[in-house]
N, C-alpha and C. Protein backbone atom coordinates (compact mmCIF):
# COMPACT_ATOMS: atom_id res chain seq x y z
N UNK A 1 42.21 94.64 140.67
CA UNK A 1 41.26 94.83 141.71
C UNK A 1 40.82 96.09 141.85
N UNK A 2 39.51 96.50 142.18
CA UNK A 2 39.09 97.65 142.49
C UNK A 2 39.55 98.35 143.85
N UNK A 3 39.86 99.49 143.83
CA UNK A 3 40.20 100.30 145.01
C UNK A 3 38.89 100.31 146.12
N UNK A 4 39.02 100.08 147.36
CA UNK A 4 38.01 100.12 148.41
C UNK A 4 37.76 101.61 148.43
N UNK A 5 36.32 101.75 148.56
CA UNK A 5 35.92 103.21 148.51
C UNK A 5 36.08 103.75 149.96
N UNK A 6 36.31 104.96 150.00
CA UNK A 6 36.49 105.80 151.35
C UNK A 6 35.11 105.51 152.20
N UNK A 7 35.06 105.35 153.54
CA UNK A 7 34.25 105.10 154.28
C UNK A 7 33.23 106.57 154.38
N UNK A 8 31.98 106.39 154.92
CA UNK A 8 31.34 107.62 155.02
C UNK A 8 31.41 108.33 156.15
N UNK A 9 31.92 107.51 157.38
CA UNK A 9 32.38 108.05 158.73
C UNK A 9 33.63 108.60 158.76
N UNK A 10 33.92 109.78 158.98
CA UNK A 10 35.41 110.31 159.11
C UNK A 10 35.68 111.03 160.46
N UNK A 11 36.96 111.06 160.77
CA UNK A 11 37.34 111.76 162.16
C UNK A 11 37.37 113.13 161.65
N UNK A 12 36.91 114.07 162.70
CA UNK A 12 37.28 115.43 162.45
C UNK A 12 37.56 116.22 163.67
N UNK A 13 38.39 117.31 163.36
CA UNK A 13 38.79 118.03 164.70
C UNK A 13 37.92 119.42 164.98
N UNK A 14 37.65 119.53 166.08
CA UNK A 14 36.75 120.67 166.58
C UNK A 14 37.59 121.62 167.30
N UNK A 15 37.74 122.94 166.82
CA UNK A 15 38.73 123.93 167.54
C UNK A 15 37.74 125.01 168.01
N UNK A 16 38.07 125.52 169.14
CA UNK A 16 37.26 126.68 169.81
C UNK A 16 37.56 127.91 169.03
N UNK A 17 36.64 128.59 168.80
CA UNK A 17 36.68 129.97 167.93
C UNK A 17 36.93 131.21 168.93
N UNK A 18 36.26 131.19 170.02
CA UNK A 18 36.62 132.12 171.15
C UNK A 18 37.92 132.45 171.42
N UNK A 19 38.68 131.14 171.73
CA UNK A 19 40.13 131.31 172.26
C UNK A 19 40.98 131.57 170.99
N UNK A 20 40.81 131.38 169.92
CA UNK A 20 41.40 131.61 168.67
C UNK A 20 41.68 133.13 168.20
N UNK A 21 40.25 133.78 168.39
CA UNK A 21 40.20 135.15 168.13
C UNK A 21 40.60 135.99 169.16
N UNK A 22 40.82 135.44 170.37
CA UNK A 22 41.24 136.33 171.54
C UNK A 22 42.69 136.69 171.60
N UNK A 23 43.38 135.61 170.87
CA UNK A 23 44.80 135.40 170.71
C UNK A 23 45.56 134.94 172.14
N UNK A 24 44.72 134.33 172.94
CA UNK A 24 45.41 133.66 174.17
C UNK A 24 46.21 132.55 173.64
N UNK A 25 47.23 132.05 174.61
CA UNK A 25 48.08 131.08 174.11
C UNK A 25 47.31 129.68 174.35
N UNK A 26 47.61 128.84 173.47
CA UNK A 26 46.88 127.57 173.65
C UNK A 26 45.65 127.25 172.89
N UNK A 27 45.12 126.27 172.78
CA UNK A 27 43.92 125.87 172.04
C UNK A 27 43.03 124.81 172.57
N UNK A 28 41.82 124.96 172.44
CA UNK A 28 40.96 123.61 172.90
C UNK A 28 40.44 123.15 171.79
N UNK A 29 40.96 121.89 171.65
CA UNK A 29 40.39 120.94 170.53
C UNK A 29 39.77 119.70 170.91
N UNK A 30 38.87 119.11 170.28
CA UNK A 30 38.07 117.94 170.48
C UNK A 30 38.22 117.23 169.14
N UNK A 31 38.31 115.80 169.27
CA UNK A 31 38.44 115.06 168.04
C UNK A 31 37.19 114.15 168.12
N UNK A 32 36.43 114.10 166.98
CA UNK A 32 35.02 113.43 167.09
C UNK A 32 34.77 112.84 165.54
N UNK A 33 33.90 112.07 165.33
CA UNK A 33 33.53 111.42 164.25
C UNK A 33 32.26 111.98 163.67
N UNK A 34 32.22 111.82 162.24
CA UNK A 34 30.84 112.51 161.80
C UNK A 34 30.58 111.64 160.31
N UNK A 35 29.34 111.57 160.00
CA UNK A 35 28.97 110.95 158.90
C UNK A 35 28.86 111.72 157.63
N UNK A 36 29.79 111.35 156.78
CA UNK A 36 29.88 112.44 155.43
C UNK A 36 28.51 112.61 154.56
N UNK A 37 27.47 111.56 154.72
CA UNK A 37 26.60 111.64 153.89
C UNK A 37 25.25 112.60 154.53
N UNK A 38 25.34 112.23 155.84
CA UNK A 38 24.24 112.96 156.71
C UNK A 38 24.49 114.35 156.74
N UNK A 39 25.80 114.73 157.12
CA UNK A 39 26.26 116.01 157.44
C UNK A 39 27.47 116.62 156.42
N UNK A 40 27.12 116.86 155.25
CA UNK A 40 28.28 117.27 154.37
C UNK A 40 28.91 118.61 154.80
N UNK A 41 28.23 119.37 155.45
CA UNK A 41 28.89 120.86 155.85
C UNK A 41 29.67 120.37 157.06
N UNK A 42 30.36 121.68 157.27
CA UNK A 42 31.22 121.56 158.59
C UNK A 42 30.26 121.67 159.93
N UNK A 43 30.89 121.06 160.84
CA UNK A 43 30.34 120.84 162.04
C UNK A 43 30.67 122.02 163.15
N UNK A 44 29.48 122.76 163.87
CA UNK A 44 29.80 123.68 164.92
C UNK A 44 29.02 123.01 166.19
N UNK A 45 29.67 122.99 167.07
CA UNK A 45 29.16 122.55 168.41
C UNK A 45 29.56 123.45 169.54
N UNK A 46 28.60 123.44 170.55
CA UNK A 46 28.97 124.12 171.69
C UNK A 46 29.65 122.93 172.65
N UNK A 47 30.77 123.35 173.07
CA UNK A 47 31.60 122.46 173.73
C UNK A 47 32.30 123.19 174.87
N UNK A 48 32.73 122.31 176.16
CA UNK A 48 33.31 122.84 177.15
C UNK A 48 34.84 123.34 176.85
N UNK A 49 35.09 124.58 177.13
CA UNK A 49 36.71 124.82 177.16
C UNK A 49 37.34 124.92 178.46
N UNK A 50 38.31 124.11 178.62
CA UNK A 50 38.83 123.98 180.13
C UNK A 50 39.49 125.18 180.39
N UNK A 51 40.31 125.93 179.52
CA UNK A 51 41.09 126.90 179.79
C UNK A 51 40.16 128.18 180.17
N UNK A 52 39.41 128.62 179.32
CA UNK A 52 38.20 129.73 179.62
C UNK A 52 37.24 129.23 180.85
N UNK A 53 37.19 127.92 180.91
CA UNK A 53 36.04 127.41 182.09
C UNK A 53 34.73 127.71 181.83
N UNK A 54 34.31 127.79 180.45
CA UNK A 54 32.99 127.88 179.98
C UNK A 54 32.81 127.23 178.84
N UNK A 55 31.53 127.07 178.51
CA UNK A 55 30.88 126.48 177.17
C UNK A 55 31.29 127.34 175.92
N UNK A 56 31.91 127.22 174.91
CA UNK A 56 32.12 127.94 173.81
C UNK A 56 31.80 127.15 172.40
N UNK A 57 31.67 128.05 171.18
CA UNK A 57 31.49 127.52 170.07
C UNK A 57 32.84 126.81 169.51
N UNK A 58 32.81 125.53 169.12
CA UNK A 58 33.76 124.89 168.46
C UNK A 58 33.39 124.55 166.86
N UNK A 59 34.43 124.77 166.02
CA UNK A 59 34.14 124.67 164.78
C UNK A 59 35.00 123.56 164.02
N UNK A 60 34.56 122.86 163.05
CA UNK A 60 35.39 121.84 162.17
C UNK A 60 36.54 122.71 161.73
N UNK A 61 37.63 122.19 161.77
CA UNK A 61 38.78 122.61 160.89
C UNK A 61 39.43 121.57 160.00
N UNK A 62 40.01 121.94 159.09
CA UNK A 62 40.56 120.82 158.19
C UNK A 62 41.90 120.43 158.58
């Protein structure tokens, strides 16, 4: 039997870049899904960071 191909829709983790660069304790992370065919590059979204209490840039991590 042939192996089933991986789906195009995968789960990704978005991590706050501002908090990581500032050296503060803790991280702001979101889990979301993306379609690999439509967006092959890494996601970058503006999301709310509850620790900093403002909207910051969140980038996809591996």
